[in-house]
Every structure is written in structure tokens, then in C-alpha cells.
Amino acid sequence: MRYILYILCILCISSAIALTPQQEIKKFANQYDNGYELSAAIDQYLNFPKNNKYGYTDKIADVWRYKKYDCTGRAALKCHAMKQIKVKCQVIHGLADGQMHDWVEWQEDKYSPWMTDEYE
């Protein structure tokens, strides 16, 4: 009986210690000093563009957790992460090659131009 209670206690403690997706994103973002590095790191984390697990979700946590996304989810995740390190950013909705597309642009400081790594 003690063994079962011990196992249950460990399970409760480990689930309480686990980070939420928002906390994981913040911890991940805080490893980077600027928007460009963070944007590249998120693309690497998502395995973009090789990841063909296309999926629409309106939750940034699901994009992070399941790595299923469309351009909207990817841009929203990048912008959310950049805000964690105080980088001014915006999600742009527009046309690319005649199709609707979303991407993120950021400004490292108020004197720098808006930047994107969307079309390198």
C-alpha cells in the first residue's frame, strides 16, 4: 500500500513541476538576444520548412506542443516569443506569390528598420 501511495505522490509532484507551453516558450525565448536569432531558432524547433504536418489551430500552445501549423500559427508563435524578450513585432497578413500568407516582422529597437526572415 505504501508503495502505491509513494508512486501516486511522485506522479502528482512531477505533474505539478511540468511547465506549461507558455512557460516553455518563455524559457526558450529567453535564450536569445534578438529577434533574428529567435526567429531562426523557432524555425529549427518547428523543423520548418521540412515539417509537412500542416494544421490550423488558433492556439499558440498547440503549435508549440504538436508542431502542426500553418503560416498563421507559425507567425503568431514567433511574435509571442519575441514579445517575451521585449522585441517589438507584428504579424503581417498579406499576399505572397498571389496567395494569402502571414508572416512576422520585428524591430530590434525603435531606430532599426522592420525586419523579416521570410524571404531569405
PDB file of N, CA and C in Angstrom:
ATOM      1  N   MET A   1       0.819  -1.198   0.000  1.00  0.00           N
ATOM      2  CA  MET A   1       0.000   0.000   0.000  1.00  0.00           C
ATOM      3  C   MET A   1       0.868   1.269   0.000  1.00  0.00           C
ATOM      4  N   ARG A   2       1.932   1.244   0.829  1.00  0.00           N
ATOM      5  CA  ARG A   2       2.822   2.398   0.872  1.00  0.00           C
ATOM      6  C   ARG A   2       3.448   2.653  -0.492  1.00  0.00           C
ATOM      7  N   TYR A   3       3.801   1.579  -1.184  1.00  0.00           N
ATOM      8  CA  TYR A   3       4.427   1.695  -2.497  1.00  0.00           C
ATOM      9  C   TYR A   3       3.497   2.399  -3.478  1.00  0.00           C
ATOM     10  N   ILE A   4       2.224   2.067  -3.474  1.00  0.00           N
ATOM     11  CA  ILE A   4       1.239   2.696  -4.360  1.00  0.00           C
ATOM     12  C   ILE A   4       1.090   4.176  -4.016  1.00  0.00           C
ATOM     13  N   LEU A   5       1.020   4.494  -2.749  1.00  0.00           N
ATOM     14  CA  LEU A   5       0.915   5.895  -2.339  1.00  0.00           C
ATOM     15  C   LEU A   5       2.169   6.676  -2.730  1.00  0.00           C
ATOM     16  N   TYR A   6       3.317   6.044  -2.617  1.00  0.00           N
ATOM     17  CA  TYR A   6       4.574   6.671  -2.998  1.00  0.00           C
ATOM     18  C   TYR A   6       4.579   6.993  -4.493  1.00  0.00           C
ATOM     19  N   ILE A   7       4.146   6.043  -5.309  1.00  0.00           N
ATOM     20  CA  ILE A   7       4.081   6.248  -6.760  1.00  0.00           C
ATOM     21  C   ILE A   7       3.106   7.377  -7.085  1.00  0.00           C
ATOM     22  N   LEU A   8       1.946   7.375  -6.472  1.00  0.00           N
ATOM     23  CA  LEU A   8       0.953   8.429  -6.704  1.00  0.00           C
ATOM     24  C   LEU A   8       1.496   9.792  -6.310  1.00  0.00           C
ATOM     25  N   CYS A   9       2.222   9.842  -5.213  1.00  0.00           N
ATOM     26  CA  CYS A   9       2.801  11.106  -4.757  1.00  0.00           C
ATOM     27  C   CYS A   9       3.823  11.622  -5.772  1.00  0.00           C
ATOM     28  N   ILE A  10       4.670  10.734  -6.279  1.00  0.00           N
ATOM     29  CA  ILE A  10       5.668  11.123  -7.281  1.00  0.00           C
ATOM     30  C   ILE A  10       4.992  11.636  -8.543  1.00  0.00           C
ATOM     31  N   LEU A  11       3.936  10.957  -8.984  1.00  0.00           N
ATOM     32  CA  LEU A  11       3.204  11.389 -10.170  1.00  0.00           C
ATOM     33  C   LEU A  11       2.593  12.771  -9.971  1.00  0.00           C
ATOM     34  N   CYS A  12       2.036  13.022  -8.803  1.00  0.00           N
ATOM     35  CA  CYS A  12       1.433  14.333  -8.516  1.00  0.00           C
ATOM     36  C   CYS A  12       2.491  15.428  -8.517  1.00  0.00           C
ATOM     37  N   ILE A  13       3.618  15.157  -7.904  1.00  0.00           N
ATOM     38  CA  ILE A  13       4.682  16.156  -7.836  1.00  0.00           C
ATOM     39  C   ILE A  13       5.250  16.432  -9.219  1.00  0.00           C
ATOM     40  N   SER A  14       5.502  15.387 -10.006  1.00  0.00           N
ATOM     41  CA  SER A  14       6.087  15.603 -11.327  1.00  0.00           C
ATOM     42  C   SER A  14       5.144  16.341 -12.259  1.00  0.00           C
ATOM     43  N   SER A  15       3.837  16.103 -12.140  1.00  0.00           N
ATOM     44  CA  SER A  15       2.898  16.837 -12.987  1.00  0.00           C
ATOM     45  C   SER A  15       2.782  18.289 -12.539  1.00  0.00           C
ATOM     46  N   ALA A  16       2.973  18.551 -11.264  1.00  0.00           N
ATOM     47  CA  ALA A  16       2.927  19.930 -10.772  1.00  0.00           C
ATOM     48  C   ALA A  16       4.167  20.710 -11.192  1.00  0.00           C
ATOM     49  N   ILE A  17       5.286  20.012 -11.386  1.00  0.00           N
ATOM     50  CA  ILE A  17       6.531  20.665 -11.757  1.00  0.00           C
ATOM     51  C   ILE A  17       6.590  20.955 -13.260  1.00  0.00           C
ATOM     52  N   ALA A  18       5.880  20.190 -14.055  1.00  0.00           N
ATOM     53  CA  ALA A  18       5.934  20.345 -15.510  1.00  0.00           C
ATOM     54  C   ALA A  18       5.541  21.770 -15.912  1.00  0.00           C
ATOM     55  N   LEU A  19       6.266  22.297 -16.902  1.00  0.00           N
ATOM     56  CA  LEU A  19       5.987  23.649 -17.372  1.00  0.00           C
ATOM     57  C   LEU A  19       4.803  23.655 -18.330  1.00  0.00           C
ATOM     58  N   THR A  20       4.066  24.740 -18.320  1.00  0.00           N
ATOM     59  CA  THR A  20       3.003  24.920 -19.301  1.00  0.00           C
ATOM     60  C   THR A  20       3.661  25.303 -20.630  1.00  0.00           C
ATOM     61  N   PRO A  21       2.965  25.141 -21.753  1.00  0.00           N
ATOM     62  CA  PRO A  21       3.553  25.560 -23.032  1.00  0.00           C
ATOM     63  C   PRO A  21       3.987  27.023 -23.030  1.00  0.00           C
ATOM     64  N   GLN A  22       3.211  27.900 -22.401  1.00  0.00           N
ATOM     65  CA  GLN A  22       3.585  29.307 -22.346  1.00  0.00           C
ATOM     66  C   GLN A  22       4.895  29.503 -21.583  1.00  0.00           C
ATOM     67  N   GLN A  23       5.073  28.752 -20.500  1.00  0.00           N
ATOM     68  CA  GLN A  23       6.319  28.840 -19.737  1.00  0.00           C
ATOM     69  C   GLN A  23       7.488  28.281 -20.545  1.00  0.00           C
ATOM     70  N   GLU A  24       7.241  27.193 -21.289  1.00  0.00           N
ATOM     71  CA  GLU A  24       8.283  26.616 -22.138  1.00  0.00           C
ATOM     72  C   GLU A  24       8.713  27.606 -23.220  1.00  0.00           C
ATOM     73  N   ILE A  25       7.737  28.287 -23.828  1.00  0.00           N
ATOM     74  CA  ILE A  25       8.044  29.270 -24.870  1.00  0.00           C
ATOM     75  C   ILE A  25       8.874  30.412 -24.285  1.00  0.00           C
ATOM     76  N   LYS A  26       8.481  30.888 -23.117  1.00  0.00           N
ATOM     77  CA  LYS A  26       9.223  31.978 -22.481  1.00  0.00           C
ATOM     78  C   LYS A  26      10.652  31.551 -22.152  1.00  0.00           C
ATOM     79  N   LYS A  27      10.809  30.350 -21.616  1.00  0.00           N
ATOM     80  CA  LYS A  27      12.142  29.835 -21.290  1.00  0.00           C
ATOM     81  C   LYS A  27      12.984  29.697 -22.563  1.00  0.00           C
ATOM     82  N   PHE A  28      12.380  29.185 -23.625  1.00  0.00           N
ATOM     83  CA  PHE A  28      13.067  29.047 -24.909  1.00  0.00           C
ATOM     84  C   PHE A  28      13.489  30.414 -25.442  1.00  0.00           C
ATOM     85  N   ALA A  29      12.571  31.369 -25.426  1.00  0.00           N
ATOM     86  CA  ALA A  29      12.835  32.708 -25.971  1.00  0.00           C
ATOM     87  C   ALA A  29      13.944  33.423 -25.212  1.00  0.00           C
ATOM     88  N   ASN A  30      13.988  33.240 -23.920  1.00  0.00           N
ATOM     89  CA  ASN A  30      14.979  33.941 -23.099  1.00  0.00           C
ATOM     90  C   ASN A  30      16.414  33.499 -23.350  1.00  0.00           C
ATOM     91  N   GLN A  31      16.607  32.483 -24.179  1.00  0.00           N
ATOM     92  CA  GLN A  31      17.954  32.049 -24.540  1.00  0.00           C
ATOM     93  C   GLN A  31      18.563  32.932 -25.637  1.00  0.00           C
ATOM     94  N   TYR A  32      17.751  33.806 -26.237  1.00  0.00           N
ATOM     95  CA  TYR A  32      18.189  34.567 -27.408  1.00  0.00           C
ATOM     96  C   TYR A  32      18.165  36.062 -27.116  1.00  0.00           C
ATOM     97  N   ASP A  33      19.056  36.773 -27.800  1.00  0.00           N
ATOM     98  CA  ASP A  33      19.215  38.209 -27.563  1.00  0.00           C
ATOM     99  C   ASP A  33      18.470  39.081 -28.553  1.00  0.00           C
ATOM    100  N   ASN A  34      18.078  38.515 -29.696  1.00  0.00           N
ATOM    101  CA  ASN A  34      17.431  39.358 -30.698  1.00  0.00           C
ATOM    102  C   ASN A  34      16.403  38.562 -31.496  1.00  0.00           C
ATOM    103  N   GLY A  35      15.582  39.280 -32.228  1.00  0.00           N
ATOM    104  CA  GLY A  35      14.500  38.668 -32.986  1.00  0.00           C
ATOM    105  C   GLY A  35      14.972  37.748 -34.088  1.00  0.00           C
ATOM    106  N   TYR A  36      16.068  38.101 -34.737  1.00  0.00           N
ATOM    107  CA  TYR A  36      16.562  37.291 -35.845  1.00  0.00           C
ATOM    108  C   TYR A  36      16.986  35.903 -35.366  1.00  0.00           C
ATOM    109  N   GLU A  37      17.762  35.853 -34.289  1.00  0.00           N
ATOM    110  CA  GLU A  37      18.206  34.569 -33.742  1.00  0.00           C
ATOM    111  C   GLU A  37      17.020  33.747 -33.245  1.00  0.00           C
ATOM    112  N   LEU A  38      16.090  34.411 -32.575  1.00  0.00           N
ATOM    113  CA  LEU A  38      14.924  33.716 -32.049  1.00  0.00           C
ATOM    114  C   LEU A  38      14.054  33.172 -33.175  1.00  0.00           C
ATOM    115  N   SER A  39      13.851  33.944 -34.214  1.00  0.00           N
ATOM    116  CA  SER A  39      13.055  33.500 -35.352  1.00  0.00           C
ATOM    117  C   SER A  39      13.667  32.253 -35.988  1.00  0.00           C
ATOM    118  N   ALA A  40      14.984  32.277 -36.186  1.00  0.00           N
ATOM    119  CA  ALA A  40      15.679  31.124 -36.770  1.00  0.00           C
ATOM    120  C   ALA A  40      15.578  29.901 -35.852  1.00  0.00           C
ATOM    121  N   ALA A  41      15.686  30.115 -34.550  1.00  0.00           N
ATOM    122  CA  ALA A  41      15.608  29.002 -33.594  1.00  0.00           C
ATOM    123  C   ALA A  41      14.210  28.379 -33.588  1.00  0.00           C
ATOM    124  N   ILE A  42      13.179  29.210 -33.708  1.00  0.00           N
ATOM    125  CA  ILE A  42      11.817  28.671 -33.754  1.00  0.00           C
ATOM    126  C   ILE A  42      11.611  27.861 -35.018  1.00  0.00           C
ATOM    127  N   ASP A  43      12.111  28.361 -36.145  1.00  0.00           N
ATOM    128  CA  ASP A  43      12.007  27.586 -37.388  1.00  0.00           C
ATOM    129  C   ASP A  43      12.711  26.241 -37.246  1.00  0.00           C
ATOM    130  N   GLN A  44      13.854  26.237 -36.594  1.00  0.00           N
ATOM    131  CA  GLN A  44      14.572  24.978 -36.382  1.00  0.00           C
ATOM    132  C   GLN A  44      13.769  24.062 -35.456  1.00  0.00           C
ATOM    133  N   TYR A  45      13.195  24.619 -34.392  1.00  0.00           N
ATOM    134  CA  TYR A  45      12.384  23.827 -33.462  1.00  0.00           C
ATOM    135  C   TYR A  45      11.180  23.200 -34.182  1.00  0.00           C
ATOM    136  N   LEU A  46      10.544  23.991 -35.042  1.00  0.00           N
ATOM    137  CA  LEU A  46       9.366  23.501 -35.767  1.00  0.00           C
ATOM    138  C   LEU A  46       9.741  22.627 -36.964  1.00  0.00           C
ATOM    139  N   ASN A  47      11.031  22.537 -37.261  1.00  0.00           N
ATOM    140  CA  ASN A  47      11.529  21.806 -38.422  1.00  0.00           C
ATOM    141  C   ASN A  47      10.958  22.392 -39.709  1.00  0.00           C
ATOM    142  N   PHE A  48      10.907  23.716 -39.754  1.00  0.00           N
ATOM    143  CA  PHE A  48      10.392  24.429 -40.925  1.00  0.00           C
ATOM    144  C   PHE A  48      11.504  24.566 -41.952  1.00  0.00           C
ATOM    145  N   PRO A  49      11.305  24.384 -43.216  1.00  0.00           N
ATOM    146  CA  PRO A  49      10.061  24.082 -43.928  1.00  0.00           C
ATOM    147  C   PRO A  49       9.838  22.593 -44.183  1.00  0.00           C
ATOM    148  N   LYS A  50      10.682  21.733 -43.622  1.00  0.00           N
ATOM    149  CA  LYS A  50      10.562  20.300 -43.906  1.00  0.00           C
ATOM    150  C   LYS A  50       9.354  19.658 -43.249  1.00  0.00           C
ATOM    151  N   ASN A  51       8.831  20.269 -42.201  1.00  0.00           N
ATOM    152  CA  ASN A  51       7.700  19.685 -41.496  1.00  0.00           C
ATOM    153  C   ASN A  51       6.442  19.841 -42.338  1.00  0.00           C
ATOM    154  N   ASN A  52       5.901  18.741 -42.762  1.00  0.00           N
ATOM    155  CA  ASN A  52       4.687  18.763 -43.582  1.00  0.00           C
ATOM    156  C   ASN A  52       3.431  18.489 -42.771  1.00  0.00           C
ATOM    157  N   LYS A  53       3.513  18.606 -41.467  1.00  0.00           N
ATOM    158  CA  LYS A  53       2.345  18.370 -40.618  1.00  0.00           C
ATOM    159  C   LYS A  53       1.470  19.616 -40.595  1.00  0.00           C
ATOM    160  N   TYR A  54       0.906  19.948 -41.735  1.00  0.00           N
ATOM    161  CA  TYR A  54       0.089  21.148 -41.835  1.00  0.00           C
ATOM    162  C   TYR A  54      -1.129  21.005 -40.935  1.00  0.00           C
ATOM    163  N   GLY A  55      -1.446  22.045 -40.241  1.00  0.00           N
ATOM    164  CA  GLY A  55      -2.648  22.028 -39.423  1.00  0.00           C
ATOM    165  C   GLY A  55      -2.960  23.418 -38.928  1.00  0.00           C
ATOM    166  N   TYR A  56      -4.213  23.766 -38.944  1.00  0.00           N
ATOM    167  CA  TYR A  56      -4.618  25.072 -38.432  1.00  0.00           C
ATOM    168  C   TYR A  56      -5.024  24.923 -36.982  1.00  0.00           C
ATOM    169  N   THR A  57      -4.555  25.807 -36.166  1.00  0.00           N
ATOM    170  CA  THR A  57      -5.007  25.900 -34.793  1.00  0.00           C
ATOM    171  C   THR A  57      -4.985  27.365 -34.401  1.00  0.00           C
ATOM    172  N   ASP A  58      -5.878  27.740 -33.517  1.00  0.00           N
ATOM    173  CA  ASP A  58      -5.890  29.129 -33.057  1.00  0.00           C
ATOM    174  C   ASP A  58      -5.182  29.269 -31.706  1.00  0.00           C
ATOM    175  N   LYS A  59      -4.449  28.236 -31.302  1.00  0.00           N
ATOM    176  CA  LYS A  59      -3.751  28.269 -30.017  1.00  0.00           C
ATOM    177  C   LYS A  59      -2.245  28.146 -30.225  1.00  0.00           C
ATOM    178  N   ILE A  60      -1.517  29.133 -29.753  1.00  0.00           N
ATOM    179  CA  ILE A  60      -0.069  29.122 -29.864  1.00  0.00           C
ATOM    180  C   ILE A  60       0.509  27.912 -29.135  1.00  0.00           C
ATOM    181  N   ALA A  61      -0.090  27.553 -28.009  1.00  0.00           N
ATOM    182  CA  ALA A  61       0.395  26.401 -27.243  1.00  0.00           C
ATOM    183  C   ALA A  61       0.338  25.124 -28.070  1.00  0.00           C
ATOM    184  N   ASP A  62      -0.674  24.965 -28.913  1.00  0.00           N
ATOM    185  CA  ASP A  62      -0.783  23.760 -29.742  1.00  0.00           C
ATOM    186  C   ASP A  62       0.267  23.744 -30.847  1.00  0.00           C
ATOM    187  N   VAL A  63       0.573  24.910 -31.412  1.00  0.00           N
ATOM    188  CA  VAL A  63       1.641  24.989 -32.416  1.00  0.00           C
ATOM    189  C   VAL A  63       2.943  24.536 -31.765  1.00  0.00           C
ATOM    190  N   TRP A  64       3.214  25.032 -30.567  1.00  0.00           N
ATOM    191  CA  TRP A  64       4.437  24.696 -29.847  1.00  0.00           C
ATOM    192  C   TRP A  64       4.471  23.208 -29.500  1.00  0.00           C
ATOM    193  N   ARG A  65       3.375  22.717 -28.945  1.00  0.00           N
ATOM    194  CA  ARG A  65       3.326  21.357 -28.421  1.00  0.00           C
ATOM    195  C   ARG A  65       3.354  20.294 -29.523  1.00  0.00           C
ATOM    196  N   TYR A  66       2.545  20.486 -30.560  1.00  0.00           N
ATOM    197  CA  TYR A  66       2.357  19.437 -31.569  1.00  0.00           C
ATOM    198  C   TYR A  66       3.125  19.697 -32.876  1.00  0.00           C
ATOM    199  N   LYS A  67       3.692  20.881 -33.007  1.00  0.00           N
ATOM    200  CA  LYS A  67       4.435  21.261 -34.216  1.00  0.00           C
ATOM    201  C   LYS A  67       3.596  21.080 -35.483  1.00  0.00           C
ATOM    202  N   LYS A  68       2.309  21.341 -35.359  1.00  0.00           N
ATOM    203  CA  LYS A  68       1.407  21.349 -36.507  1.00  0.00           C
ATOM    204  C   LYS A  68       0.944  22.789 -36.673  1.00  0.00           C
ATOM    205  N   TYR A  69       1.136  23.331 -37.857  1.00  0.00           N
ATOM    206  CA  TYR A  69       0.880  24.753 -38.014  1.00  0.00           C
ATOM    207  C   TYR A  69       0.689  25.100 -39.472  1.00  0.00           C
ATOM    208  N   ASP A  70       0.115  26.268 -39.665  1.00  0.00           N
ATOM    209  CA  ASP A  70       0.106  26.906 -40.978  1.00  0.00           C
ATOM    210  C   ASP A  70       0.879  28.214 -40.801  1.00  0.00           C
ATOM    211  N   CYS A  71       0.885  29.047 -41.818  1.00  0.00           N
ATOM    212  CA  CYS A  71       1.674  30.282 -41.714  1.00  0.00           C
ATOM    213  C   CYS A  71       1.163  31.194 -40.591  1.00  0.00           C
ATOM    214  N   THR A  72      -0.133  31.155 -40.337  1.00  0.00           N
ATOM    215  CA  THR A  72      -0.705  31.993 -39.276  1.00  0.00           C
ATOM    216  C   THR A  72      -0.195  31.553 -37.910  1.00  0.00           C
ATOM    217  N   GLY A  73      -0.229  30.261 -37.642  1.00  0.00           N
ATOM    218  CA  GLY A  73       0.238  29.739 -36.362  1.00  0.00           C
ATOM    219  C   GLY A  73       1.729  29.970 -36.146  1.00  0.00           C
ATOM    220  N   ARG A  74       2.500  29.780 -37.200  1.00  0.00           N
ATOM    221  CA  ARG A  74       3.952  29.981 -37.118  1.00  0.00           C
ATOM    222  C   ARG A  74       4.263  31.446 -36.813  1.00  0.00           C
ATOM    223  N   ALA A  75       3.591  32.359 -37.514  1.00  0.00           N
ATOM    224  CA  ALA A  75       3.828  33.787 -37.286  1.00  0.00           C
ATOM    225  C   ALA A  75       3.389  34.201 -35.886  1.00  0.00           C
ATOM    226  N   ALA A  76       2.256  33.689 -35.430  1.00  0.00           N
ATOM    227  CA  ALA A  76       1.762  34.034 -34.091  1.00  0.00           C
ATOM    228  C   ALA A  76       2.711  33.530 -33.014  1.00  0.00           C
ATOM    229  N   LEU A  77       3.237  32.318 -33.188  1.00  0.00           N
ATOM    230  CA  LEU A  77       4.188  31.776 -32.217  1.00  0.00           C
ATOM    231  C   LEU A  77       5.452  32.622 -32.175  1.00  0.00           C
ATOM    232  N   LYS A  78       5.975  32.992 -33.339  1.00  0.00           N
ATOM    233  CA  LYS A  78       7.186  33.818 -33.378  1.00  0.00           C
ATOM    234  C   LYS A  78       6.958  35.164 -32.697  1.00  0.00           C
ATOM    235  N   CYS A  79       5.836  35.794 -32.986  1.00  0.00           N
ATOM    236  CA  CYS A  79       5.556  37.109 -32.401  1.00  0.00           C
ATOM    237  C   CYS A  79       5.397  36.991 -30.880  1.00  0.00           C
ATOM    238  N   HIS A  80       4.702  35.964 -30.436  1.00  0.00           N
ATOM    239  CA  HIS A  80       4.522  35.748 -28.996  1.00  0.00           C
ATOM    240  C   HIS A  80       5.880  35.563 -28.312  1.00  0.00           C
ATOM    241  N   ALA A  81       6.745  34.758 -28.917  1.00  0.00           N
ATOM    242  CA  ALA A  81       8.069  34.518 -28.328  1.00  0.00           C
ATOM    243  C   ALA A  81       8.904  35.793 -28.310  1.00  0.00           C
ATOM    244  N   MET A  82       8.829  36.578 -29.384  1.00  0.00           N
ATOM    245  CA  MET A  82       9.607  37.822 -29.436  1.00  0.00           C
ATOM    246  C   MET A  82       9.160  38.810 -28.370  1.00  0.00           C
ATOM    247  N   LYS A  83       7.880  38.822 -28.092  1.00  0.00           N
ATOM    248  CA  LYS A  83       7.387  39.717 -27.040  1.00  0.00           C
ATOM    249  C   LYS A  83       7.935  39.322 -25.670  1.00  0.00           C
ATOM    250  N   GLN A  84       8.267  38.045 -25.500  1.00  0.00           N
ATOM    251  CA  GLN A  84       8.835  37.586 -24.239  1.00  0.00           C
ATOM    252  C   GLN A  84      10.211  38.189 -23.992  1.00  0.00           C
ATOM    253  N   ILE A  85      10.932  38.516 -25.072  1.00  0.00           N
ATOM    254  CA  ILE A  85      12.263  39.126 -24.912  1.00  0.00           C
ATOM    255  C   ILE A  85      12.228  40.621 -25.273  1.00  0.00           C
ATOM    256  N   LYS A  86      11.020  41.176 -25.252  1.00  0.00           N
ATOM    257  CA  LYS A  86      10.813  42.626 -25.438  1.00  0.00           C
ATOM    258  C   LYS A  86      11.210  43.134 -26.819  1.00  0.00           C
ATOM    259  N   VAL A  87      11.023  42.301 -27.850  1.00  0.00           N
ATOM    260  CA  VAL A  87      11.264  42.728 -29.223  1.00  0.00           C
ATOM    261  C   VAL A  87       9.923  43.140 -29.810  1.00  0.00           C
ATOM    262  N   LYS A  88       9.858  44.347 -30.335  1.00  0.00           N
ATOM    263  CA  LYS A  88       8.630  44.851 -30.944  1.00  0.00           C
ATOM    264  C   LYS A  88       8.379  44.063 -32.236  1.00  0.00           C
ATOM    265  N   CYS A  89       7.184  43.503 -32.370  1.00  0.00           N
ATOM    266  CA  CYS A  89       6.893  42.682 -33.543  1.00  0.00           C
ATOM    267  C   CYS A  89       5.430  42.819 -33.947  1.00  0.00           C
ATOM    268  N   GLN A  90       5.159  42.372 -35.153  1.00  0.00           N
ATOM    269  CA  GLN A  90       3.785  42.394 -35.662  1.00  0.00           C
ATOM    270  C   GLN A  90       3.607  41.254 -36.655  1.00  0.00           C
ATOM    271  N   VAL A  91       2.402  40.692 -36.662  1.00  0.00           N
ATOM    272  CA  VAL A  91       2.056  39.672 -37.649  1.00  0.00           C
ATOM    273  C   VAL A  91       1.446  40.395 -38.845  1.00  0.00           C
ATOM    274  N   ILE A  92       1.984  40.122 -40.018  1.00  0.00           N
ATOM    275  CA  ILE A  92       1.513  40.745 -41.250  1.00  0.00           C
ATOM    276  C   ILE A  92       0.649  39.750 -42.013  1.00  0.00           C
ATOM    277  N   HIS A  93      -0.526  40.198 -42.423  1.00  0.00           N
ATOM    278  CA  HIS A  93      -1.420  39.402 -43.264  1.00  0.00           C
ATOM    279  C   HIS A  93      -1.360  40.025 -44.651  1.00  0.00           C
ATOM    280  N   GLY A  94      -1.001  39.239 -45.641  1.00  0.00           N
ATOM    281  CA  GLY A  94      -0.878  39.814 -46.973  1.00  0.00           C
ATOM    282  C   GLY A  94      -0.851  38.755 -48.050  1.00  0.00           C
ATOM    283  N   LEU A  95      -0.339  39.145 -49.190  1.00  0.00           N
ATOM    284  CA  LEU A  95      -0.234  38.248 -50.334  1.00  0.00           C
ATOM    285  C   LEU A  95       1.227  37.950 -50.622  1.00  0.00           C
ATOM    286  N   ALA A  96       1.498  36.701 -50.908  1.00  0.00           N
ATOM    287  CA  ALA A  96       2.835  36.282 -51.325  1.00  0.00           C
ATOM    288  C   ALA A  96       2.646  35.329 -52.492  1.00  0.00           C
ATOM    289  N   ASP A  97       3.233  35.676 -53.602  1.00  0.00           N
ATOM    290  CA  ASP A  97       3.081  34.865 -54.821  1.00  0.00           C
ATOM    291  C   ASP A  97       1.612  34.640 -55.163  1.00  0.00           C
ATOM    292  N   GLY A  98       0.788  35.667 -54.945  1.00  0.00           N
ATOM    293  CA  GLY A  98      -0.622  35.603 -55.304  1.00  0.00           C
ATOM    294  C   GLY A  98      -1.502  34.822 -54.342  1.00  0.00           C
ATOM    295  N   GLN A  99      -0.953  34.386 -53.207  1.00  0.00           N
ATOM    296  CA  GLN A  99      -1.738  33.631 -52.227  1.00  0.00           C
ATOM    297  C   GLN A  99      -1.709  34.344 -50.885  1.00  0.00           C
ATOM    298  N   MET A 100      -2.783  34.163 -50.106  1.00  0.00           N
ATOM    299  CA  MET A 100      -2.826  34.746 -48.772  1.00  0.00           C
ATOM    300  C   MET A 100      -1.728  34.109 -47.918  1.00  0.00           C
ATOM    301  N   HIS A 101      -1.075  34.946 -47.128  1.00  0.00           N
ATOM    302  CA  HIS A 101       0.048  34.467 -46.325  1.00  0.00           C
ATOM    303  C   HIS A 101       0.210  35.354 -45.097  1.00  0.00           C
ATOM    304  N   ASP A 102       0.717  34.791 -44.009  1.00  0.00           N
ATOM    305  CA  ASP A 102       1.020  35.534 -42.784  1.00  0.00           C
ATOM    306  C   ASP A 102       2.489  35.337 -42.445  1.00  0.00           C
ATOM    307  N   TRP A 103       3.117  36.402 -41.964  1.00  0.00           N
ATOM    308  CA  TRP A 103       4.499  36.318 -41.520  1.00  0.00           C
ATOM    309  C   TRP A 103       4.711  37.344 -40.428  1.00  0.00           C
ATOM    310  N   VAL A 104       5.856  37.278 -39.784  1.00  0.00           N
ATOM    311  CA  VAL A 104       6.147  38.207 -38.692  1.00  0.00           C
ATOM    312  C   VAL A 104       7.268  39.155 -39.117  1.00  0.00           C
ATOM    313  N   GLU A 105       7.124  40.396 -38.690  1.00  0.00           N
ATOM    314  CA  GLU A 105       8.176  41.398 -38.842  1.00  0.00           C
ATOM    315  C   GLU A 105       8.496  41.915 -37.451  1.00  0.00           C
ATOM    316  N   TRP A 106       9.751  42.301 -37.247  1.00  0.00           N
ATOM    317  CA  TRP A 106      10.149  42.799 -35.945  1.00  0.00           C
ATOM    318  C   TRP A 106      11.126  43.950 -36.085  1.00  0.00           C
ATOM    319  N   GLN A 107      11.244  44.660 -34.979  1.00  0.00           N
ATOM    320  CA  GLN A 107      12.137  45.807 -34.884  1.00  0.00           C
ATOM    321  C   GLN A 107      12.995  45.598 -33.636  1.00  0.00           C
ATOM    322  N   GLU A 108      14.297  45.515 -33.826  1.00  0.00           N
ATOM    323  CA  GLU A 108      15.188  45.250 -32.681  1.00  0.00           C
ATOM    324  C   GLU A 108      15.177  46.408 -31.680  1.00  0.00           C
ATOM    325  N   ASP A 109      15.100  47.617 -32.172  1.00  0.00           N
ATOM    326  CA  ASP A 109      14.946  48.789 -31.316  1.00  0.00           C
ATOM    327  C   ASP A 109      14.187  49.844 -32.121  1.00  0.00           C
ATOM    328  N   LYS A 110      13.841  50.958 -31.481  1.00  0.00           N
ATOM    329  CA  LYS A 110      12.974  51.924 -32.166  1.00  0.00           C
ATOM    330  C   LYS A 110      13.655  52.634 -33.331  1.00  0.00           C
ATOM    331  N   TYR A 111      14.968  52.507 -33.462  1.00  0.00           N
ATOM    332  CA  TYR A 111      15.680  53.160 -34.557  1.00  0.00           C
ATOM    333  C   TYR A 111      15.979  52.218 -35.725  1.00  0.00           C
ATOM    334  N   SER A 112      15.798  50.921 -35.523  1.00  0.00           N
ATOM    335  CA  SER A 112      16.127  49.976 -36.595  1.00  0.00           C
ATOM    336  C   SER A 112      14.923  49.767 -37.520  1.00  0.00           C
ATOM    337  N   PRO A 113      15.185  49.363 -38.748  1.00  0.00           N
ATOM    338  CA  PRO A 113      14.073  49.122 -39.678  1.00  0.00           C
ATOM    339  C   PRO A 113      13.329  47.839 -39.310  1.00  0.00           C
ATOM    340  N   TRP A 114      12.107  47.709 -39.821  1.00  0.00           N
ATOM    341  CA  TRP A 114      11.362  46.460 -39.636  1.00  0.00           C
ATOM    342  C   TRP A 114      12.052  45.376 -40.433  1.00  0.00           C
ATOM    343  N   MET A 115      12.194  44.197 -39.828  1.00  0.00           N
ATOM    344  CA  MET A 115      12.910  43.102 -40.473  1.00  0.00           C
ATOM    345  C   MET A 115      12.037  41.847 -40.530  1.00  0.00           C
ATOM    346  N   THR A 116      12.354  40.973 -41.473  1.00  0.00           N
ATOM    347  CA  THR A 116      11.736  39.655 -41.540  1.00  0.00           C
ATOM    348  C   THR A 116      12.756  38.698 -42.130  1.00  0.00           C
ATOM    349  N   ASP A 117      12.601  37.438 -41.846  1.00  0.00           N
ATOM    350  CA  ASP A 117      13.463  36.418 -42.452  1.00  0.00           C
ATOM    351  C   ASP A 117      12.635  35.525 -43.379  1.00  0.00           C
ATOM    352  N   GLU A 118      11.484  36.028 -43.754  1.00  0.00           N
ATOM    353  CA  GLU A 118      10.549  35.221 -44.521  1.00  0.00           C
ATOM    354  C   GLU A 118      11.052  34.868 -45.910  1.00  0.00           C
ATOM    355  N   TYR A 119      11.758  35.758 -46.540  1.00  0.00           N
ATOM    356  CA  TYR A 119      12.146  35.527 -47.931  1.00  0.00           C
ATOM    357  C   TYR A 119      13.651  35.573 -48.119  1.00  0.00           C
ATOM    358  N   GLU A 120      14.362  34.762 -47.367  1.00  0.00           N
ATOM    359  CA  GLU A 120      15.829  34.735 -47.490  1.00  0.00           C
ATOM    360  C   GLU A 120      16.232  33.889 -48.662  1.00  0.00           C
TER     361      GLU A 120
END
